[in-house]
């Protein structure tokens, strides 16, 4: 499973790669939604809504 998540991370770092096949590979390797999401957060970070006062 770790290998599938590593491949997903590598694919997410490239601009011209469709990540869906890599997500499916991770799911087939029994990765959880949280594990897949953590890879996305690691690569893209999280968005925080700006506070406007």
N, C-alpha and C. Protein backbone atom coordinates (compact mmCIF):
# COMPACT_ATOMS: atom_id res chain seq x y z
N UNK A 1 0.83 -1.19 0.00
CA UNK A 1 0.00 0.00 0.00
C UNK A 1 0.87 1.25 0.00
N UNK A 2 1.96 1.23 0.74
CA UNK A 2 2.84 2.41 0.81
C UNK A 2 3.33 2.79 -0.58
N UNK A 3 3.65 1.79 -1.39
CA UNK A 3 4.12 2.05 -2.75
C UNK A 3 3.06 2.77 -3.57
N UNK A 4 1.81 2.35 -3.43
CA UNK A 4 0.71 2.99 -4.18
C UNK A 4 0.54 4.44 -3.74
N UNK A 5 0.68 4.71 -2.46
CA UNK A 5 0.56 6.09 -1.97
C UNK A 5 1.75 6.94 -2.42
N UNK A 6 2.92 6.34 -2.48
CA UNK A 6 4.10 7.06 -2.98
C UNK A 6 3.93 7.41 -4.46
N UNK A 7 3.39 6.47 -5.23
CA UNK A 7 3.14 6.74 -6.65
C UNK A 7 2.09 7.83 -6.82
N UNK A 8 1.08 7.81 -5.97
CA UNK A 8 0.05 8.84 -6.00
C UNK A 8 0.66 10.21 -5.70
N UNK A 9 1.51 10.28 -4.70
CA UNK A 9 2.15 11.55 -4.36
C UNK A 9 2.98 12.07 -5.53
N UNK A 10 3.73 11.18 -6.15
CA UNK A 10 4.55 11.57 -7.30
C UNK A 10 3.67 12.09 -8.44
N UNK A 11 2.55 11.43 -8.68
CA UNK A 11 1.64 11.86 -9.74
C UNK A 11 1.01 13.21 -9.41
N UNK A 12 0.68 13.43 -8.14
CA UNK A 12 0.07 14.70 -7.75
C UNK A 12 1.03 15.88 -7.90
N UNK A 13 2.31 15.61 -7.83
CA UNK A 13 3.31 16.68 -7.95
C UNK A 13 3.51 17.11 -9.40
N UNK A 14 3.03 16.32 -10.35
CA UNK A 14 3.17 16.66 -11.77
C UNK A 14 1.91 17.37 -12.25
N UNK A 15 2.09 18.36 -13.11
CA UNK A 15 0.96 19.15 -13.60
C UNK A 15 0.13 18.44 -14.67
N UNK A 16 0.75 17.56 -15.42
CA UNK A 16 0.08 17.00 -16.59
C UNK A 16 -0.33 15.54 -16.42
N UNK A 17 -0.54 15.11 -15.18
CA UNK A 17 -0.86 13.70 -14.92
C UNK A 17 -2.27 13.60 -14.34
N UNK A 18 -3.05 12.68 -14.90
CA UNK A 18 -4.36 12.36 -14.36
C UNK A 18 -4.15 11.50 -13.12
N UNK A 19 -4.59 11.96 -11.97
CA UNK A 19 -4.33 11.24 -10.72
C UNK A 19 -5.35 10.15 -10.42
N UNK A 20 -6.45 10.12 -11.15
CA UNK A 20 -7.50 9.14 -10.85
C UNK A 20 -6.99 7.69 -10.91
N UNK A 21 -6.23 7.29 -11.92
CA UNK A 21 -5.73 5.90 -11.92
C UNK A 21 -4.87 5.59 -10.69
N UNK A 22 -4.13 6.56 -10.22
CA UNK A 22 -3.28 6.36 -9.05
C UNK A 22 -4.12 6.28 -7.77
N UNK A 23 -5.19 7.04 -7.73
CA UNK A 23 -6.11 6.95 -6.59
C UNK A 23 -6.75 5.57 -6.57
N UNK A 24 -7.16 5.08 -7.73
CA UNK A 24 -7.76 3.74 -7.80
C UNK A 24 -6.77 2.66 -7.39
N UNK A 25 -5.51 2.80 -7.78
CA UNK A 25 -4.49 1.84 -7.35
C UNK A 25 -4.35 1.84 -5.84
N UNK A 26 -4.39 3.02 -5.24
CA UNK A 26 -4.28 3.12 -3.79
C UNK A 26 -5.49 2.46 -3.12
N UNK A 27 -6.66 2.67 -3.68
CA UNK A 27 -7.87 2.04 -3.13
C UNK A 27 -7.79 0.52 -3.26
N UNK A 28 -7.32 0.05 -4.39
CA UNK A 28 -7.17 -1.39 -4.59
C UNK A 28 -6.14 -1.99 -3.63
N UNK A 29 -5.20 -1.15 -3.17
CA UNK A 29 -4.20 -1.60 -2.20
C UNK A 29 -4.72 -1.40 -0.77
N UNK A 30 -6.02 -1.10 -0.63
CA UNK A 30 -6.69 -0.95 0.66
C UNK A 30 -6.24 0.29 1.43
N UNK A 31 -5.87 1.35 0.72
CA UNK A 31 -5.61 2.62 1.39
C UNK A 31 -6.95 3.24 1.77
N UNK A 32 -6.98 3.90 2.91
CA UNK A 32 -8.22 4.53 3.35
C UNK A 32 -8.35 5.92 2.72
N UNK A 33 -9.55 6.47 2.81
CA UNK A 33 -9.79 7.83 2.32
C UNK A 33 -8.87 8.81 3.05
N UNK A 34 -8.70 8.60 4.33
CA UNK A 34 -7.83 9.49 5.11
C UNK A 34 -6.39 9.44 4.62
N UNK A 35 -5.90 8.25 4.33
CA UNK A 35 -4.52 8.12 3.85
C UNK A 35 -4.35 8.79 2.49
N UNK A 36 -5.32 8.62 1.62
CA UNK A 36 -5.27 9.25 0.30
C UNK A 36 -5.37 10.77 0.45
N UNK A 37 -6.26 11.22 1.32
CA UNK A 37 -6.42 12.66 1.56
C UNK A 37 -5.17 13.27 2.16
N UNK A 38 -4.51 12.53 3.04
CA UNK A 38 -3.27 13.03 3.65
C UNK A 38 -2.19 13.26 2.60
N UNK A 39 -2.15 12.41 1.58
CA UNK A 39 -1.20 12.60 0.49
C UNK A 39 -1.52 13.91 -0.23
N UNK A 40 -2.80 14.14 -0.50
CA UNK A 40 -3.20 15.38 -1.15
C UNK A 40 -2.87 16.61 -0.32
N UNK A 41 -3.11 16.51 0.98
CA UNK A 41 -2.78 17.63 1.86
C UNK A 41 -1.28 17.87 1.91
N UNK A 42 -0.51 16.80 1.88
CA UNK A 42 0.95 16.92 1.90
C UNK A 42 1.45 17.66 0.65
N UNK A 43 0.85 17.35 -0.49
CA UNK A 43 1.29 17.95 -1.75
C UNK A 43 0.73 19.36 -1.93
N UNK A 44 -0.58 19.52 -1.70
CA UNK A 44 -1.24 20.78 -2.02
C UNK A 44 -1.48 21.69 -0.81
N UNK A 45 -1.37 21.14 0.38
CA UNK A 45 -1.65 21.93 1.58
C UNK A 45 -3.15 22.03 1.80
N UNK A 46 -3.52 22.85 2.75
CA UNK A 46 -4.94 23.06 3.03
C UNK A 46 -5.30 24.51 2.78
N UNK A 47 -6.53 24.74 2.47
CA UNK A 47 -7.00 26.09 2.22
C UNK A 47 -7.73 26.58 3.45
N UNK A 48 -7.40 27.77 3.85
CA UNK A 48 -8.07 28.36 5.00
C UNK A 48 -8.72 29.65 4.53
N UNK A 49 -10.00 29.76 4.79
CA UNK A 49 -10.74 30.94 4.36
C UNK A 49 -10.20 32.18 5.06
N UNK A 50 -9.92 33.23 4.29
CA UNK A 50 -9.41 34.45 4.92
C UNK A 50 -10.50 35.12 5.76
N UNK A 51 -10.08 35.70 6.85
CA UNK A 51 -11.01 36.40 7.73
C UNK A 51 -11.09 37.85 7.27
N UNK A 52 -12.30 38.29 6.98
CA UNK A 52 -12.51 39.67 6.54
C UNK A 52 -13.32 40.37 7.63
N UNK A 53 -12.74 41.40 8.17
CA UNK A 53 -13.41 42.12 9.26
C UNK A 53 -13.93 43.44 8.76
